[in-house]
């Protein structure tokens, strides 16, 4: 849970592009489908268990999908009126939180590399600090509008 400072309000919360979830969900669905098809079409029975093994495979695939969706939902770029917070969840028990005040942002840009990024309208957001370090958030949907929102806040222009 994000703890806001005094007089701070969230302007925008951005999650990674939905293609992240699609890729993470596709493999467990394919695996569970192939396993179920193998047991039902070929009448496979292992030690007298057929439907139980199929149910276990489908349950395992469902748990993997729910875990991937959980991790995706926890990854966020939160833009407030005072700072930018990058909350990256690597797994259920590992995360990295980076906070940047607007005065600490030297340069902000985005990259869209490849046809899928252009068609899917996502890209890599790159925020540079005066010390030369870069903060990167990959697969940002509509990166141009995110850069525009951040630049408007930095310039003191009201964002709606």
C-alpha atoms as a PDB file:
ATOM      1  CA  UNK A   1       0.000   0.000   0.000  1.00  0.00           C
ATOM      2  CA  UNK A   2       1.310   3.401  -0.998  1.00  0.00           C
ATOM      3  CA  UNK A   3       1.589   5.934   1.800  1.00  0.00           C
ATOM      4  CA  UNK A   4       1.034   9.459   0.570  1.00  0.00           C
ATOM      5  CA  UNK A   5       2.695  12.506   2.055  1.00  0.00           C
ATOM      6  CA  UNK A   6       0.905  15.552   3.361  1.00  0.00           C
ATOM      7  CA  UNK A   7      -0.996  17.398   0.590  1.00  0.00           C
ATOM      8  CA  UNK A   8      -0.061  14.690  -1.919  1.00  0.00           C
ATOM      9  CA  UNK A   9      -2.574  13.225  -4.328  1.00  0.00           C
ATOM     10  CA  UNK A  10      -2.307  10.498  -6.930  1.00  0.00           C
ATOM     11  CA  UNK A  11      -2.704  11.825 -10.443  1.00  0.00           C
ATOM     12  CA  UNK A  12      -2.202   8.649 -12.427  1.00  0.00           C
ATOM     13  CA  UNK A  13      -1.346   4.991 -11.802  1.00  0.00           C
ATOM     14  CA  UNK A  14       0.167   3.147 -14.750  1.00  0.00           C
ATOM     15  CA  UNK A  15       0.587  -0.597 -15.032  1.00  0.00           C
ATOM     16  CA  UNK A  16       2.659  -2.423 -17.589  1.00  0.00           C
ATOM     17  CA  UNK A  17       1.058  -3.244 -20.926  1.00  0.00           C
ATOM     18  CA  UNK A  18      -1.469  -6.083 -20.964  1.00  0.00           C
ATOM     19  CA  UNK A  19       0.779  -8.087 -23.297  1.00  0.00           C
ATOM     20  CA  UNK A  20       2.806  -8.942 -20.174  1.00  0.00           C
ATOM     21  CA  UNK A  21      -0.209 -10.806 -18.776  1.00  0.00           C
ATOM     22  CA  UNK A  22      -1.104 -12.361 -22.118  1.00  0.00           C
ATOM     23  CA  UNK A  23       2.352 -13.889 -22.454  1.00  0.00           C
ATOM     24  CA  UNK A  24       2.363 -15.115 -18.860  1.00  0.00           C
ATOM     25  CA  UNK A  25      -1.087 -16.679 -19.193  1.00  0.00           C
ATOM     26  CA  UNK A  26      -0.596 -18.307 -22.599  1.00  0.00           C
ATOM     27  CA  UNK A  27       1.918 -20.984 -21.575  1.00  0.00           C
ATOM     28  CA  UNK A  28       0.001 -22.405 -18.582  1.00  0.00           C
ATOM     29  CA  UNK A  29      -3.206 -22.461 -20.647  1.00  0.00           C
ATOM     30  CA  UNK A  30      -1.472 -24.302 -23.495  1.00  0.00           C
ATOM     31  CA  UNK A  31       0.151 -26.762 -21.080  1.00  0.00           C
ATOM     32  CA  UNK A  32      -3.114 -27.479 -19.224  1.00  0.00           C
ATOM     33  CA  UNK A  33      -5.003 -27.826 -22.499  1.00  0.00           C
ATOM     34  CA  UNK A  34      -2.492 -30.274 -23.936  1.00  0.00           C
ATOM     35  CA  UNK A  35      -2.452 -32.319 -20.724  1.00  0.00           C
ATOM     36  CA  UNK A  36      -6.260 -32.451 -20.588  1.00  0.00           C
ATOM     37  CA  UNK A  37      -6.458 -33.384 -24.264  1.00  0.00           C
ATOM     38  CA  UNK A  38      -3.876 -36.131 -23.808  1.00  0.00           C
ATOM     39  CA  UNK A  39      -5.743 -37.706 -20.909  1.00  0.00           C
ATOM     40  CA  UNK A  40      -9.192 -37.527 -22.493  1.00  0.00           C
ATOM     41  CA  UNK A  41      -8.423 -38.241 -26.150  1.00  0.00           C
ATOM     42  CA  UNK A  42      -5.917 -41.022 -25.562  1.00  0.00           C
ATOM     43  CA  UNK A  43      -7.625 -42.511 -22.512  1.00  0.00           C
ATOM     44  CA  UNK A  44      -4.435 -42.212 -20.506  1.00  0.00           C
ATOM     45  CA  UNK A  45      -4.665 -43.729 -17.057  1.00  0.00           C
ATOM     46  CA  UNK A  46      -1.753 -43.557 -14.624  1.00  0.00           C
ATOM     47  CA  UNK A  47      -2.153 -45.858 -11.617  1.00  0.00           C
ATOM     48  CA  UNK A  48      -5.914 -45.701 -12.046  1.00  0.00           C
ATOM     49  CA  UNK A  49      -6.026 -41.884 -11.980  1.00  0.00           C
ATOM     50  CA  UNK A  50      -7.081 -40.020 -15.059  1.00  0.00           C
ATOM     51  CA  UNK A  51      -9.424 -37.173 -14.224  1.00  0.00           C
ATOM     52  CA  UNK A  52      -7.611 -36.505 -10.926  1.00  0.00           C
ATOM     53  CA  UNK A  53      -4.322 -35.865 -12.721  1.00  0.00           C
ATOM     54  CA  UNK A  54      -6.076 -33.674 -15.281  1.00  0.00           C
ATOM     55  CA  UNK A  55      -7.747 -31.694 -12.479  1.00  0.00           C
ATOM     56  CA  UNK A  56      -4.391 -31.274 -10.708  1.00  0.00           C
ATOM     57  CA  UNK A  57      -2.732 -29.999 -13.894  1.00  0.00           C
ATOM     58  CA  UNK A  58      -5.579 -27.541 -14.521  1.00  0.00           C
ATOM     59  CA  UNK A  59      -5.483 -26.402 -10.877  1.00  0.00           C
ATOM     60  CA  UNK A  60      -1.719 -25.895 -11.046  1.00  0.00           C
ATOM     61  CA  UNK A  61      -2.039 -23.902 -14.281  1.00  0.00           C
ATOM     62  CA  UNK A  62      -4.784 -21.778 -12.696  1.00  0.00           C
ATOM     63  CA  UNK A  63      -2.568 -21.033  -9.690  1.00  0.00           C
ATOM     64  CA  UNK A  64       0.324 -20.049 -11.971  1.00  0.00           C
ATOM     65  CA  UNK A  65      -1.987 -17.723 -13.932  1.00  0.00           C
ATOM     66  CA  UNK A  66      -3.343 -16.102 -10.760  1.00  0.00           C
ATOM     67  CA  UNK A  67       0.202 -15.619  -9.446  1.00  0.00           C
ATOM     68  CA  UNK A  68       1.316 -13.959 -12.699  1.00  0.00           C
ATOM     69  CA  UNK A  69      -1.704 -11.649 -12.645  1.00  0.00           C
ATOM     70  CA  UNK A  70      -0.992 -10.777  -8.993  1.00  0.00           C
ATOM     71  CA  UNK A  71       2.613  -9.822  -9.784  1.00  0.00           C
ATOM     72  CA  UNK A  72       1.498  -7.813 -12.840  1.00  0.00           C
ATOM     73  CA  UNK A  73      -1.111  -5.891 -10.806  1.00  0.00           C
ATOM     74  CA  UNK A  74       1.488  -4.991  -8.173  1.00  0.00           C
ATOM     75  CA  UNK A  75       3.914  -3.471 -10.722  1.00  0.00           C
ATOM     76  CA  UNK A  76       3.000   0.172 -11.055  1.00  0.00           C
ATOM     77  CA  UNK A  77       4.256   3.617 -11.893  1.00  0.00           C
ATOM     78  CA  UNK A  78       2.419   6.060  -9.636  1.00  0.00           C
ATOM     79  CA  UNK A  79       2.457   9.723 -10.603  1.00  0.00           C
ATOM     80  CA  UNK A  80       1.532  12.120  -7.817  1.00  0.00           C
ATOM     81  CA  UNK A  81       1.610  15.880  -7.590  1.00  0.00           C
ATOM     82  CA  UNK A  82       4.906  15.685  -5.616  1.00  0.00           C
ATOM     83  CA  UNK A  83       6.842  12.687  -6.930  1.00  0.00           C
ATOM     84  CA  UNK A  84       6.984   9.611  -9.129  1.00  0.00           C
ATOM     85  CA  UNK A  85       6.967   6.204  -7.452  1.00  0.00           C
ATOM     86  CA  UNK A  86       8.092   3.131  -9.367  1.00  0.00           C
ATOM     87  CA  UNK A  87       6.979  -0.034  -7.581  1.00  0.00           C
ATOM     88  CA  UNK A  88       8.375  -3.145  -9.270  1.00  0.00           C
ATOM     89  CA  UNK A  89       7.343  -6.537  -7.900  1.00  0.00           C
ATOM     90  CA  UNK A  90       9.820  -9.231  -8.943  1.00  0.00           C
ATOM     91  CA  UNK A  91       7.937 -12.019  -7.173  1.00  0.00           C
ATOM     92  CA  UNK A  92       5.501 -12.416  -4.293  1.00  0.00           C
ATOM     93  CA  UNK A  93       8.327 -11.838  -1.799  1.00  0.00           C
ATOM     94  CA  UNK A  94      10.602  -9.393  -3.630  1.00  0.00           C
ATOM     95  CA  UNK A  95      10.047  -5.820  -4.764  1.00  0.00           C
ATOM     96  CA  UNK A  96      11.936  -2.642  -5.550  1.00  0.00           C
ATOM     97  CA  UNK A  97      10.495   0.798  -4.888  1.00  0.00           C
ATOM     98  CA  UNK A  98      12.072   3.896  -6.437  1.00  0.00           C
ATOM     99  CA  UNK A  99      10.894   7.396  -5.575  1.00  0.00           C
ATOM    100  CA  UNK A 100      11.824  10.431  -7.643  1.00  0.00           C
ATOM    101  CA  UNK A 101      10.986  13.983  -6.725  1.00  0.00           C
ATOM    102  CA  UNK A 102      10.279  16.172  -9.737  1.00  0.00           C
ATOM    103  CA  UNK A 103      13.245  18.410  -8.933  1.00  0.00           C
ATOM    104  CA  UNK A 104      15.501  15.316  -9.213  1.00  0.00           C
ATOM    105  CA  UNK A 105      14.439  14.544 -12.785  1.00  0.00           C
ATOM    106  CA  UNK A 106      16.964  15.750 -15.338  1.00  0.00           C
ATOM    107  CA  UNK A 107      15.471  14.207 -18.467  1.00  0.00           C
ATOM    108  CA  UNK A 108      12.522  12.002 -19.321  1.00  0.00           C
ATOM    109  CA  UNK A 109      12.054  10.116 -22.572  1.00  0.00           C
ATOM    110  CA  UNK A 110      10.587   6.963 -24.013  1.00  0.00           C
ATOM    111  CA  UNK A 111      11.597   4.367 -26.582  1.00  0.00           C
ATOM    112  CA  UNK A 112       9.368   2.278 -28.794  1.00  0.00           C
ATOM    113  CA  UNK A 113      11.466  -0.399 -30.396  1.00  0.00           C
ATOM    114  CA  UNK A 114      10.022  -2.846 -32.887  1.00  0.00           C
ATOM    115  CA  UNK A 115       6.745  -3.375 -34.675  1.00  0.00           C
ATOM    116  CA  UNK A 116       4.908  -4.955 -31.696  1.00  0.00           C
ATOM    117  CA  UNK A 117       5.671  -1.873 -29.572  1.00  0.00           C
ATOM    118  CA  UNK A 118       4.416   0.477 -32.265  1.00  0.00           C
ATOM    119  CA  UNK A 119       1.268  -1.538 -32.955  1.00  0.00           C
ATOM    120  CA  UNK A 120       0.572  -2.207 -29.271  1.00  0.00           C
ATOM    121  CA  UNK A 121       1.374   1.406 -28.368  1.00  0.00           C
ATOM    122  CA  UNK A 122       3.770   0.616 -25.537  1.00  0.00           C
ATOM    123  CA  UNK A 123       7.361   1.512 -24.836  1.00  0.00           C
ATOM    124  CA  UNK A 124      10.157   1.915 -22.352  1.00  0.00           C
ATOM    125  CA  UNK A 125      10.042   4.975 -20.104  1.00  0.00           C
ATOM    126  CA  UNK A 126      13.511   6.318 -19.255  1.00  0.00           C
ATOM    127  CA  UNK A 127      13.942   8.889 -16.471  1.00  0.00           C
ATOM    128  CA  UNK A 128      17.417  10.362 -15.965  1.00  0.00           C
ATOM    129  CA  UNK A 129      18.652  12.047 -12.811  1.00  0.00           C
ATOM    130  CA  UNK A 130      21.404  14.690 -12.496  1.00  0.00           C
ATOM    131  CA  UNK A 131      23.761  12.034 -11.090  1.00  0.00           C
ATOM    132  CA  UNK A 132      23.581  10.204 -14.417  1.00  0.00           C
ATOM    133  CA  UNK A 133      21.527   7.236 -13.208  1.00  0.00           C
ATOM    134  CA  UNK A 134      18.518   6.031 -15.151  1.00  0.00           C
ATOM    135  CA  UNK A 135      15.208   4.725 -13.875  1.00  0.00           C
ATOM    136  CA  UNK A 136      13.523   2.492 -16.450  1.00  0.00           C
ATOM    137  CA  UNK A 137       9.945   1.217 -16.551  1.00  0.00           C
ATOM    138  CA  UNK A 138       9.381  -1.195 -19.430  1.00  0.00           C
ATOM    139  CA  UNK A 139       6.201  -1.868 -21.419  1.00  0.00           C
ATOM    140  CA  UNK A 140       4.445   1.380 -20.493  1.00  0.00           C
ATOM    141  CA  UNK A 141       1.147   1.815 -22.365  1.00  0.00           C
ATOM    142  CA  UNK A 142       0.925   5.117 -24.281  1.00  0.00           C
ATOM    143  CA  UNK A 143       4.372   6.326 -23.191  1.00  0.00           C
ATOM    144  CA  UNK A 144       4.007   9.668 -24.980  1.00  0.00           C
ATOM    145  CA  UNK A 145       1.015  10.616 -22.825  1.00  0.00           C
ATOM    146  CA  UNK A 146       2.873   9.530 -19.661  1.00  0.00           C
ATOM    147  CA  UNK A 147       5.849  11.741 -20.591  1.00  0.00           C
ATOM    148  CA  UNK A 148       3.457  14.601 -21.364  1.00  0.00           C
ATOM    149  CA  UNK A 149       1.704  14.190 -17.989  1.00  0.00           C
ATOM    150  CA  UNK A 150       5.000  14.188 -16.081  1.00  0.00           C
ATOM    151  CA  UNK A 151       6.302  17.217 -18.000  1.00  0.00           C
ATOM    152  CA  UNK A 152       3.067  19.120 -17.333  1.00  0.00           C
ATOM    153  CA  UNK A 153       3.412  18.475 -13.601  1.00  0.00           C
ATOM    154  CA  UNK A 154       7.096  19.500 -13.690  1.00  0.00           C
ATOM    155  CA  UNK A 155       6.109  22.742 -15.430  1.00  0.00           C
ATOM    156  CA  UNK A 156       3.358  23.454 -12.911  1.00  0.00           C
ATOM    157  CA  UNK A 157       0.551  23.125 -15.432  1.00  0.00           C
ATOM    158  CA  UNK A 158      -2.655  21.604 -13.979  1.00  0.00           C
ATOM    159  CA  UNK A 159      -3.316  18.033 -15.091  1.00  0.00           C
ATOM    160  CA  UNK A 160      -6.868  16.849 -15.516  1.00  0.00           C
END
